[in-house]
Amino acid sequence: MFYVFGINGPMYQGGADRLSHITAVRGVQRPSGLRAGASGVEGEEAQVRNPQPSLTARAQGAVAAYLGTEQGPKEERHRIYRVSDVMTRGAVTLTPDLRVEQAWHVLAEKKIAQAPVLDAQGIVVGLLLRADMAPLELLPEPGALHQAIALAKRPVREVMITPVPAVAEDTDLRRVTHVLLETGLPGLPVTDDRGHLSGFVSRTDILRAVVSEPPLDLWS
């Protein structure tokens, strides 16, 4: 089950097939937050922090992984089907009135790239991406100083993605991956039908499951 929540409350509840017909979801608009331009903040988010291993090293790693599979897992693994199997519980959250600069520091401190935004009742109203903003320390050209400071002082509600799709815990993971590919979002808040947050499922959560679980266990 998928949902769409915005500032004014629930907007949709249903399957992934109809989710793409919701205009606000089909064309998820990345907000014009404070970007660092030449400083390359967004690029750093997407870059691999460690240099890529040589082909030989990667080949050796592949052989080692194959041999490990041949020997079988050391402990019993459960099959992974649904969001609840891979989601992150106790996700970091933000509020709509928090300043952009403050939100940046929260995400940087927790070493995460995004966080759901909750209203005063604890209902999901948006999603803030670290790639859509930058702190005051990473300003653009000197000529844009005043504009950059003004942007950093904006509330999260003006920079977050809203409306934002959300997903129920018992949803099939394959449906989630389809929605992530279609919307370009890095993850989805996991909620009940009223928008109360229970966690977050990201591409990283799904990829971690793919590399740690045998493929047949994951998709069979």
Protein backbone atom coordinates (compact mmCIF):
# COMPACT_ATOMS: atom_id res chain seq x y z
CA MET A 1 0.00 0.00 0.00
CA PHE A 2 1.22 3.47 -0.94
CA TYR A 3 0.17 6.89 0.33
CA VAL A 4 0.79 10.53 -0.54
CA PHE A 5 0.95 13.14 2.22
CA GLY A 6 1.30 16.90 1.98
CA ILE A 7 1.05 19.99 4.14
CA ASN A 8 -2.75 19.79 4.00
CA GLY A 9 -2.95 16.10 4.88
CA PRO A 10 -3.49 12.79 3.02
CA MET A 11 -3.86 12.98 -0.76
CA TYR A 12 -3.84 9.36 -1.92
CA GLN A 13 -4.08 5.77 -0.72
CA GLY A 14 -3.76 2.82 -3.07
CA GLY A 15 -1.46 0.73 -5.24
CA ALA A 16 1.74 1.69 -7.04
CA ASP A 17 0.04 1.45 -10.43
CA ARG A 18 -2.19 4.44 -9.68
CA LEU A 19 0.48 6.32 -7.77
CA SER A 20 2.11 7.40 -11.03
CA HIS A 21 -1.14 9.12 -12.05
CA ILE A 22 -0.91 11.54 -9.13
CA THR A 23 0.46 14.72 -10.69
CA ALA A 24 2.39 15.75 -7.58
CA VAL A 25 4.16 12.38 -7.51
CA ARG A 26 4.65 11.84 -11.24
CA GLY A 27 6.61 15.07 -11.46
CA VAL A 28 8.31 15.28 -8.07
CA GLN A 29 9.78 18.76 -8.02
CA ARG A 30 13.18 19.18 -6.43
CA PRO A 31 12.94 22.44 -4.45
CA SER A 32 15.27 25.31 -5.19
CA GLY A 33 17.10 25.12 -1.89
CA LEU A 34 20.51 26.56 -1.10
CA ARG A 35 22.94 24.85 -3.46
CA ALA A 36 26.69 25.27 -3.37
CA GLY A 37 27.12 25.40 -7.15
CA ALA A 38 30.82 25.30 -7.86
CA SER A 39 31.61 23.75 -4.49
CA GLY A 40 30.07 20.49 -5.71
CA VAL A 41 28.02 19.51 -2.68
CA GLU A 42 25.60 17.41 -4.72
CA GLY A 43 28.46 15.69 -6.49
CA GLU A 44 29.98 14.62 -3.20
CA GLU A 45 26.74 12.92 -2.20
CA ALA A 46 26.85 10.73 -5.30
CA GLN A 47 30.57 10.03 -5.36
CA VAL A 48 32.12 6.88 -3.97
CA ARG A 49 34.24 7.90 -1.02
CA ASN A 50 36.88 5.21 -1.57
CA PRO A 51 38.76 4.75 -4.83
CA GLN A 52 37.52 1.91 -7.01
CA PRO A 53 39.51 -1.29 -6.68
CA SER A 54 41.43 -2.59 -9.64
CA LEU A 55 39.85 -5.15 -11.94
CA THR A 56 42.04 -7.85 -10.43
CA ALA A 57 40.96 -7.01 -6.91
CA ARG A 58 37.30 -6.95 -7.94
CA ALA A 59 37.68 -10.29 -9.71
CA GLN A 60 39.24 -11.78 -6.58
CA GLY A 61 36.37 -10.41 -4.51
CA ALA A 62 33.83 -11.93 -6.88
CA VAL A 63 35.53 -15.34 -6.69
CA ALA A 64 35.63 -15.15 -2.90
CA ALA A 65 31.93 -14.26 -2.79
CA TYR A 66 31.09 -17.15 -5.11
CA LEU A 67 33.06 -19.60 -3.02
CA GLY A 68 31.33 -18.34 0.08
CA THR A 69 27.97 -18.99 -1.57
CA GLU A 70 29.09 -22.49 -2.52
CA GLN A 71 29.84 -23.21 1.11
CA GLY A 72 26.42 -21.92 2.08
CA PRO A 73 25.46 -19.28 4.67
CA LYS A 74 26.88 -19.66 8.16
CA GLU A 75 23.52 -18.93 9.71
CA GLU A 76 19.93 -19.37 8.61
CA ARG A 77 18.65 -16.45 6.57
CA HIS A 78 15.02 -15.48 6.34
CA ARG A 79 13.47 -14.58 3.03
CA ILE A 80 13.06 -10.90 2.31
CA TYR A 81 9.82 -9.82 0.71
CA ARG A 82 8.50 -6.67 2.31
CA VAL A 83 9.45 -3.17 3.40
CA SER A 84 9.41 -4.22 7.07
CA ASP A 85 12.28 -6.65 6.36
CA VAL A 86 14.77 -3.94 5.37
CA MET A 87 13.45 -0.58 6.61
CA THR A 88 15.26 1.59 9.14
CA ARG A 89 13.23 2.09 12.30
CA GLY A 90 13.64 5.09 14.56
CA ALA A 91 14.40 7.32 11.58
CA VAL A 92 15.71 10.85 12.17
CA THR A 93 12.96 13.42 11.58
CA LEU A 94 12.74 17.18 11.12
CA THR A 95 10.06 19.81 11.62
CA PRO A 96 8.72 22.22 8.96
CA ASP A 97 9.74 25.32 10.94
CA LEU A 98 13.35 24.30 11.48
CA ARG A 99 15.82 26.51 9.61
CA VAL A 100 17.60 25.03 6.60
CA GLU A 101 21.02 25.57 8.18
CA GLN A 102 19.92 23.77 11.37
CA ALA A 103 18.50 20.89 9.35
CA TRP A 104 21.77 20.57 7.42
CA HIS A 105 23.72 20.16 10.66
CA VAL A 106 21.27 17.51 11.93
CA LEU A 107 21.69 15.43 8.75
CA ALA A 108 25.47 15.93 8.74
CA GLU A 109 25.78 14.91 12.39
CA LYS A 110 23.70 11.75 11.82
CA LYS A 111 25.54 11.07 8.54
CA ILE A 112 22.35 10.67 6.55
CA ALA A 113 21.28 12.21 3.25
CA GLN A 114 17.56 12.70 3.85
CA ALA A 115 14.92 12.84 6.57
CA PRO A 116 11.11 12.84 6.74
CA VAL A 117 9.49 16.07 7.88
CA LEU A 118 6.70 15.76 10.49
CA ASP A 119 4.13 18.31 11.61
CA ALA A 120 3.19 19.01 15.24
CA GLN A 121 0.90 15.95 15.29
CA GLY A 122 3.71 13.66 14.10
CA ILE A 123 2.25 13.28 10.60
CA VAL A 124 4.54 13.11 7.55
CA VAL A 125 4.23 16.27 5.45
CA GLY A 126 7.43 16.19 3.40
CA LEU A 127 10.94 14.89 2.77
CA LEU A 128 14.12 16.94 3.03
CA LEU A 129 17.16 15.94 0.96
CA ARG A 130 20.63 17.02 1.98
CA ALA A 131 21.53 17.41 -1.69
CA ASP A 132 18.96 20.22 -1.97
CA MET A 133 20.70 22.49 0.51
CA ALA A 134 24.09 23.54 1.85
CA PRO A 135 25.23 25.17 5.11
CA LEU A 136 26.39 28.74 5.49
CA GLU A 137 29.99 27.50 5.48
CA LEU A 138 29.62 26.37 1.86
CA LEU A 139 28.57 29.57 0.17
CA PRO A 140 28.61 30.27 -3.58
CA GLU A 141 30.47 33.17 -5.17
CA PRO A 142 31.08 36.17 -2.89
CA GLY A 143 28.56 38.17 -4.92
CA ALA A 144 25.75 35.86 -3.82
CA LEU A 145 26.56 36.13 -0.10
CA HIS A 146 23.37 37.90 0.99
CA GLN A 147 21.15 35.66 -1.10
CA ALA A 148 22.84 32.52 0.23
CA ILE A 149 22.43 33.63 3.84
CA ALA A 150 18.75 34.38 3.22
CA LEU A 151 18.24 30.92 1.72
CA ALA A 152 19.98 29.21 4.64
CA LYS A 153 17.62 30.97 7.06
CA ARG A 154 14.51 29.76 5.24
CA PRO A 155 12.31 27.22 7.05
CA VAL A 156 12.44 23.59 6.00
CA ARG A 157 8.85 23.82 4.74
CA GLU A 158 10.07 26.02 1.87
CA VAL A 159 12.83 23.61 0.81
CA MET A 160 11.39 20.14 1.46
CA ILE A 161 9.72 17.93 -1.13
CA THR A 162 5.96 18.00 -0.61
CA PRO A 163 3.63 16.26 -1.27
CA VAL A 164 5.71 13.13 -0.72
CA PRO A 165 4.88 9.46 -1.38
CA ALA A 166 4.96 7.07 1.58
CA VAL A 167 4.63 3.32 1.90
CA ALA A 168 3.17 0.77 4.32
CA GLU A 169 5.38 -1.76 6.12
CA ASP A 170 3.78 -4.78 4.45
CA THR A 171 4.35 -3.54 0.88
CA ASP A 172 6.26 -5.76 -1.57
CA LEU A 173 9.84 -4.49 -2.00
CA ARG A 174 9.66 -4.83 -5.76
CA ARG A 175 6.84 -2.31 -5.88
CA VAL A 176 8.92 0.10 -3.79
CA THR A 177 11.91 -0.14 -6.12
CA HIS A 178 9.61 0.64 -9.05
CA VAL A 179 8.32 3.79 -7.31
CA LEU A 180 11.86 4.91 -6.39
CA LEU A 181 12.97 4.53 -10.00
CA GLU A 182 9.93 6.36 -11.30
CA THR A 183 10.10 9.30 -8.88
CA GLY A 184 13.88 9.57 -8.57
CA LEU A 185 13.57 9.76 -4.78
CA PRO A 186 16.31 8.18 -2.61
CA GLY A 187 13.78 6.57 -0.29
CA LEU A 188 10.26 6.70 1.13
CA PRO A 189 8.85 7.32 4.61
CA VAL A 190 7.16 4.22 6.03
CA THR A 191 3.81 5.12 7.58
CA ASP A 192 0.33 3.91 8.44
CA ASP A 193 -2.71 5.14 6.54
CA ARG A 194 -2.90 8.29 8.68
CA GLY A 195 0.69 9.31 8.06
CA HIS A 196 2.22 8.31 11.39
CA LEU A 197 5.86 7.44 10.78
CA SER A 198 7.24 4.00 11.64
CA GLY A 199 10.54 4.24 9.74
CA PHE A 200 12.23 4.92 6.41
CA VAL A 201 13.19 2.67 3.52
CA SER A 202 16.02 3.87 1.27
CA ARG A 203 17.83 2.60 -1.78
CA THR A 204 20.73 1.86 0.55
CA ASP A 205 18.51 -0.38 2.71
CA ILE A 206 17.43 -2.33 -0.37
CA LEU A 207 20.96 -2.61 -1.79
CA ARG A 208 22.26 -3.77 1.57
CA ALA A 209 19.68 -6.57 1.51
CA VAL A 210 20.66 -7.50 -2.05
CA VAL A 211 24.36 -7.89 -1.21
CA SER A 212 23.81 -9.65 2.12
CA GLU A 213 21.06 -12.09 1.10
CA PRO A 214 21.11 -14.80 -1.62
CA PRO A 215 19.12 -13.57 -4.66
CA LEU A 216 16.61 -16.41 -4.48
CA ASP A 217 15.91 -15.60 -0.84
CA LEU A 218 15.35 -11.98 -1.75
CA TRP A 219 13.04 -12.31 -4.73
CA SER A 220 11.52 -15.81 -4.67
